[in-house]
Protein backbone atom coordinates (compact mmCIF):
# COMPACT_ATOMS: atom_id res chain seq x y z
CA MET A 1 -1.44 -3.29 15.29
CA TRP A 2 -4.75 -1.95 13.98
CA ILE A 3 -3.77 -3.14 10.50
CA HIS A 4 -3.92 -6.76 11.95
CA ALA A 5 -7.16 -6.27 13.66
CA LEU A 6 -8.89 -5.18 10.42
CA ALA A 7 -7.38 -8.08 8.59
CA ARG A 8 -8.56 -10.33 11.29
CA ASP A 9 -12.03 -8.90 11.29
CA ARG A 10 -12.13 -9.12 7.51
CA THR A 11 -11.66 -12.96 7.62
CA HIS A 12 -14.57 -13.41 9.80
CA THR A 13 -17.23 -11.95 7.62
CA SER A 14 -19.92 -14.12 5.67
CA ALA A 15 -19.63 -14.85 2.12
CA ALA A 16 -22.84 -12.85 1.45
CA ASN A 17 -21.28 -9.80 3.21
CA GLY A 18 -17.81 -10.51 2.17
CA ASP A 19 -17.50 -8.06 -0.70
CA LYS A 20 -19.14 -5.03 1.03
CA MET A 21 -17.33 -5.74 4.33
CA GLU A 22 -14.01 -6.12 2.31
CA GLN A 23 -14.57 -2.73 0.63
CA GLU A 24 -15.57 -0.97 3.91
CA THR A 25 -12.70 -2.50 5.73
CA ARG A 26 -10.36 -1.22 2.70
CA LYS A 27 -11.82 2.24 2.86
CA CYS A 28 -11.28 2.38 6.46
CA LEU A 29 -7.73 1.19 6.27
CA VAL A 30 -7.00 3.59 3.61
CA LYS A 31 -8.42 6.40 5.79
CA ARG A 32 -6.07 5.36 8.71
CA LEU A 33 -3.27 5.10 6.50
CA ASP A 34 -3.67 8.50 5.14
CA GLU A 35 -4.10 9.92 8.67
CA ALA A 36 -1.13 8.13 9.94
CA ALA A 37 1.14 9.25 6.70
CA LEU A 38 0.24 12.88 7.14
CA GLY A 39 3.16 13.64 9.24
CA PHE A 40 5.44 11.85 6.87
CA ARG A 41 4.10 13.77 3.81
CA LEU A 42 4.64 17.13 5.62
CA GLY A 43 8.22 16.09 6.68
CA ARG A 44 9.20 14.62 3.31
CA THR A 45 11.16 17.63 2.05
CA ALA A 46 13.21 18.02 5.35
CA ALA A 47 13.68 14.12 5.52
CA GLY A 48 15.06 14.05 2.01
CA GLU A 49 17.67 16.78 2.93
CA MET A 50 19.12 14.77 5.90
CA ALA A 51 22.16 12.65 4.92
CA GLY A 52 21.98 10.60 7.95
CA TRP A 53 19.67 10.67 10.90
CA VAL A 54 21.51 8.54 13.11
CA ARG A 55 24.81 10.78 12.86
CA SER A 56 22.63 13.88 12.88
CA LEU A 57 20.83 12.85 16.10
CA ARG A 58 24.02 11.71 17.83
CA GLN A 59 25.88 14.96 17.14
CA MET A 60 22.80 17.07 17.96
CA LEU A 61 22.53 15.18 21.35
CA GLU A 62 26.23 15.70 21.83
CA ILE A 63 26.78 11.80 22.42
CA PRO A 64 30.50 10.89 21.71
CA VAL A 65 31.09 7.99 19.30
CA ASP A 66 32.61 5.81 22.17
CA GLU A 67 29.60 6.50 24.60
CA PHE A 68 27.33 5.51 21.47
CA ALA A 69 29.23 2.22 20.77
CA GLY A 70 29.21 1.39 24.46
CA LYS A 71 25.29 1.73 24.32
CA LEU A 72 25.05 -0.44 21.32
CA GLY A 73 27.76 -2.76 22.62
CA VAL A 74 29.99 -2.29 19.51
CA SER A 75 33.47 -0.79 18.74
CA ARG A 76 33.83 2.96 17.46
CA ARG A 77 34.55 1.57 13.96
CA GLU A 78 31.10 -0.31 13.84
CA ILE A 79 29.48 3.18 14.64
CA PHE A 80 31.29 4.86 11.73
CA ARG A 81 30.19 1.89 9.41
CA LEU A 82 26.63 2.03 10.82
CA GLU A 83 26.30 5.83 9.96
CA LYS A 84 27.97 5.40 6.55
CA SER A 85 25.59 2.36 5.76
CA GLU A 86 22.59 4.63 6.65
CA GLU A 87 23.85 7.53 4.30
CA GLU A 88 24.39 5.02 1.40
CA ALA A 89 20.80 3.69 2.06
CA ARG A 90 21.87 0.26 2.78
CA ILE A 91 21.21 -0.11 6.47
CA GLN A 92 19.11 -2.91 7.74
CA LEU A 93 15.94 -2.00 9.60
CA GLY A 94 17.04 -4.11 12.83
CA THR A 95 20.41 -2.09 12.90
CA LEU A 96 18.58 1.14 12.54
CA ARG A 97 16.05 0.37 15.38
CA ARG A 98 18.87 -0.63 17.66
CA ALA A 99 20.65 2.75 16.87
CA ALA A 100 17.31 4.66 17.55
CA GLU A 101 16.75 2.84 20.85
CA ALA A 102 20.40 3.66 21.80
CA LEU A 103 19.62 7.34 21.15
CA ASP A 104 16.39 7.11 23.08
CA CYS A 105 14.41 7.44 19.99
CA GLU A 106 11.66 5.29 18.35
CA LEU A 107 12.16 4.07 14.64
CA ILE A 108 9.27 4.93 12.59
CA TYR A 109 9.30 4.39 8.83
CA ALA A 110 6.49 4.67 6.25
CA LEU A 111 5.84 4.51 2.47
CA THR A 112 3.93 7.63 1.33
CA PRO A 113 2.69 8.51 -2.40
CA ARG A 114 4.99 10.95 -4.16
CA GLN A 115 1.85 12.86 -4.87
CA GLY A 116 -1.64 13.18 -3.27
CA THR A 117 -2.96 10.81 -0.67
CA LEU A 118 -3.03 6.88 -0.35
CA GLY A 119 -6.89 7.26 -0.80
CA GLU A 120 -6.48 9.28 -4.03
CA MET A 121 -3.74 6.61 -5.16
CA ALA A 122 -5.97 3.62 -4.35
CA ALA A 123 -9.18 5.29 -6.27
CA GLU A 124 -6.97 5.99 -9.36
CA ARG A 125 -5.72 2.39 -9.32
CA GLY A 126 -9.27 1.28 -9.12
CA VAL A 127 -10.33 3.19 -12.18
CA ALA A 128 -7.37 1.96 -14.10
CA ARG A 129 -8.03 -1.57 -12.88
CA GLU A 130 -11.74 -1.27 -14.00
CA ALA A 131 -10.80 0.22 -17.39
CA ALA A 132 -8.40 -2.60 -17.93
CA ARG A 133 -10.98 -5.14 -17.10
CA LYS A 134 -13.35 -3.56 -19.60
CA GLN A 135 -10.84 -3.53 -22.24
CA ALA A 136 -9.96 -7.15 -21.80
CA ARG A 137 -13.55 -8.11 -21.85
CA ALA A 138 -14.06 -6.12 -25.07
CA ASP A 139 -10.95 -7.76 -26.60
CA ALA A 140 -12.21 -11.22 -25.61
CA ASP A 141 -15.84 -10.40 -27.12
CA GLU A 142 -14.14 -9.10 -30.24
CA ARG A 143 -12.16 -12.47 -30.66
CA ARG A 144 -15.30 -14.63 -29.91
CA VAL A 145 -17.37 -12.56 -32.53
CA ALA A 146 -14.33 -13.14 -35.04
CA GLU A 147 -14.50 -17.01 -34.43
CA GLY A 148 -18.25 -17.04 -34.69
CA LYS A 149 -18.83 -17.74 -30.96
CA PRO A 150 -20.22 -14.56 -29.39
CA ARG A 151 -20.36 -14.64 -25.50
CA LYS A 152 -23.45 -16.14 -24.25
CA GLY A 153 -26.08 -13.54 -23.95
CA ARG A 154 -24.09 -10.85 -25.79
CA ASP A 155 -25.47 -11.81 -29.17
CA PRO A 156 -27.74 -8.76 -29.83
CA GLN A 157 -30.42 -10.69 -31.69
CA LEU A 158 -30.38 -13.52 -29.24
CA ALA A 159 -30.85 -11.01 -26.51
CA ALA A 160 -33.63 -9.31 -28.31
CA ILE A 161 -35.37 -12.69 -28.77
CA LYS A 162 -34.93 -13.56 -25.00
CA MET A 163 -36.54 -10.14 -24.10
CA LEU A 164 -39.55 -10.65 -26.36
CA ILE A 165 -40.04 -14.22 -24.84
CA ARG A 166 -39.95 -12.64 -21.22
CA LEU A 167 -42.32 -9.83 -22.34
CA ALA A 168 -44.73 -12.32 -23.71
CA GLY A 169 -44.64 -14.22 -20.48
CA ILE A 170 -43.58 -17.48 -22.07
CA LYS A 171 -41.60 -19.63 -19.78
CA CYS A 172 -38.66 -21.53 -21.21
């Protein structure tokens, strides 16, 4: 819910403050996501070792297949299909949510970085994006120079002349 509130707040900022507010909102969002994902990062190893949460919880809680099927309003056979589909990673989230409710649990899912935190991941991507932008600009400048059309204000001689004119106080 707080993600939607942050997105809604971002849309109400003025154009002048838009970039700064967007950066602050993004930083706040990354921080909150990192905090929310901490438990998932800590439990990643144990979760990866579980073949199927639904079957494991059902068996741990000693809920017979017939009782579980009754709670979901399906046949025994559907329970086995559900548990198999979870093990094979092809279960739908809605089905998994209904199974969790029938087990008196809450379904929580998350995406976490394989290494580090979301903040670190975002920072690395920002650096890579900036490097790619700089490289693209340098490539474009090289093409323009090769075509005899340097980027406006990038011609060193023209830039030096403009600076001399400004220093001399001459208005153009």
